Amino acid sequence: KRVITNDAGSNWFNMKPAAMTEDLKKDIALIRSRNYLDPKRFYKSSDPTGKFVQVGTVIEGPTEFFSSRLTKKQRRGNLVDEIMADPASADYAKNKYKRMQQEQTAKSLQRRRGRRGARK
């Protein structure tokens, strides 16, 4: 007989389930769709979202002061805000959206021209 508990088990330090707030849901959705944020980077497919999730803060070491740290101005409250503030990802998203709009308008013009030819 198996006992159902409300934690992740002793192998996971009895982690409790996180309260799913709107910000946490957005962050998880962003992590799941990270393949589309950077086209040149490959990520393995992600597992379905479980109920045991933890969010933490990365604390840089003293040797990373100049090399790979974010300044206070660059830090944001959550992952979505941080990605939206990044100029490289914003430019990529803007260009991708523009390309998609151009493809859609080309398709609709092609459809209109096809209908116009059928009416005559």
Protein backbone atom coordinates (compact mmCIF):
# COMPACT_ATOMS: atom_id res chain seq x y z
CA LYS A 1 0.00 0.00 0.00
CA ARG A 2 1.39 3.37 -1.04
CA VAL A 3 1.07 6.44 1.15
CA ILE A 4 0.31 9.66 -0.75
CA THR A 5 2.16 12.62 0.73
CA ASN A 6 2.03 16.30 -0.05
CA ASP A 7 5.77 16.65 -0.69
CA ALA A 8 8.34 15.50 -3.24
CA GLY A 9 9.84 12.83 -1.01
CA SER A 10 13.04 12.42 0.95
CA ASN A 11 15.20 12.25 -2.19
CA TRP A 12 14.07 15.80 -2.96
CA PHE A 13 14.44 17.05 0.63
CA ASN A 14 10.65 16.88 1.20
CA MET A 15 10.06 19.87 -1.06
CA LYS A 16 6.57 21.31 -0.69
CA PRO A 17 4.43 22.22 -3.73
CA ALA A 18 4.70 25.88 -4.76
CA ALA A 19 1.74 28.22 -4.88
CA MET A 20 1.12 28.85 -8.59
CA THR A 21 0.89 32.62 -8.93
CA GLU A 22 0.40 34.39 -12.26
CA ASP A 23 4.06 35.48 -12.31
CA LEU A 24 5.25 31.93 -11.68
CA LYS A 25 2.98 30.58 -14.43
CA LYS A 26 4.39 33.15 -16.87
CA ASP A 27 7.96 32.28 -15.90
CA ILE A 28 7.30 28.57 -16.39
CA ALA A 29 5.67 29.23 -19.78
CA LEU A 30 8.70 31.30 -20.78
CA ILE A 31 11.10 28.55 -19.75
CA ARG A 32 9.07 25.99 -21.68
CA SER A 33 9.18 28.15 -24.83
CA ARG A 34 12.86 29.11 -24.55
CA ASN A 35 13.56 27.32 -27.87
CA TYR A 36 11.84 30.21 -29.64
CA LEU A 37 13.75 32.95 -27.80
CA ASP A 38 17.20 32.02 -29.12
CA PRO A 39 17.13 30.29 -32.53
CA LYS A 40 20.82 29.37 -32.48
CA ARG A 41 20.67 27.46 -29.23
CA PHE A 42 19.30 23.94 -28.82
CA TYR A 43 17.33 22.86 -25.75
CA LYS A 44 16.05 19.37 -25.11
CA SER A 45 12.29 19.08 -24.88
CA SER A 46 11.04 19.94 -21.44
CA ASP A 47 9.06 17.67 -19.17
CA PRO A 48 5.46 18.49 -18.34
CA THR A 49 5.10 20.96 -15.51
CA GLY A 50 4.99 19.29 -12.14
CA LYS A 51 3.50 20.68 -8.99
CA PHE A 52 6.87 20.85 -7.22
CA VAL A 53 8.65 23.99 -8.37
CA GLN A 54 11.11 26.26 -6.62
CA VAL A 55 12.39 29.67 -7.66
CA GLY A 56 15.64 31.07 -6.34
CA THR A 57 18.08 33.91 -6.76
CA VAL A 58 21.50 33.39 -8.30
CA ILE A 59 24.23 34.88 -6.14
CA GLU A 60 27.39 35.61 -8.08
CA GLY A 61 30.79 34.82 -6.69
CA PRO A 62 33.38 37.52 -5.99
CA THR A 63 35.39 36.55 -9.09
CA GLU A 64 32.44 37.27 -11.42
CA PHE A 65 32.14 40.93 -10.52
CA PHE A 66 33.15 42.25 -13.94
CA SER A 67 32.65 39.23 -16.17
CA SER A 68 29.13 37.86 -15.91
CA ARG A 69 27.01 39.75 -13.45
CA LEU A 70 23.94 41.90 -13.91
CA THR A 71 23.99 45.41 -12.55
CA LYS A 72 21.18 46.56 -10.27
CA LYS A 73 19.74 48.51 -13.18
CA GLN A 74 19.56 45.37 -15.34
CA ARG A 75 17.95 43.17 -12.68
CA ARG A 76 14.22 42.64 -12.83
CA GLY A 77 11.61 41.15 -10.54
CA ASN A 78 10.98 38.02 -12.57
CA LEU A 79 12.23 36.18 -15.63
CA VAL A 80 9.65 37.60 -18.05
CA ASP A 81 10.61 41.20 -17.24
CA GLU A 82 14.30 40.36 -17.55
CA ILE A 83 13.87 38.81 -21.01
CA MET A 84 11.69 41.69 -22.19
CA ALA A 85 14.33 44.20 -21.04
CA ASP A 86 17.11 42.40 -22.95
CA PRO A 87 17.66 44.33 -26.21
CA ALA A 88 18.93 41.31 -28.17
CA SER A 89 15.86 39.19 -27.46
CA ALA A 90 13.56 42.17 -28.04
CA ASP A 91 15.14 42.79 -31.46
CA TYR A 92 14.84 39.12 -32.38
CA ALA A 93 11.17 39.03 -31.33
CA LYS A 94 10.43 42.23 -33.24
CA ASN A 95 12.09 40.94 -36.43
CA LYS A 96 10.38 37.57 -36.13
CA TYR A 97 6.98 39.25 -35.67
CA LYS A 98 7.63 41.51 -38.67
CA ARG A 99 8.55 38.49 -40.82
CA MET A 100 5.38 36.65 -39.75
CA GLN A 101 3.24 39.70 -40.60
CA GLN A 102 4.84 39.98 -44.04
CA GLU A 103 4.14 36.31 -44.74
CA GLN A 104 0.51 36.69 -43.65
CA THR A 105 -0.06 39.77 -45.81
CA ALA A 106 1.54 38.03 -48.80
CA LYS A 107 -0.79 35.06 -48.33
CA SER A 108 -3.87 37.25 -48.03
CA LEU A 109 -2.92 39.24 -51.15
CA GLN A 110 -2.39 36.01 -53.03
CA ARG A 111 -5.81 34.78 -51.92
CA ARG A 112 -7.48 38.04 -52.99
CA ARG A 113 -5.85 37.91 -56.40
CA GLY A 114 -7.00 34.33 -56.81
CA ARG A 115 -10.60 35.25 -55.97
CA ARG A 116 -10.55 38.24 -58.28
CA GLY A 117 -9.43 36.06 -61.19
CA ALA A 118 -12.20 33.52 -60.50
CA ARG A 119 -14.93 36.20 -60.62
CA LYS A 120 -14.12 37.41 -64.12
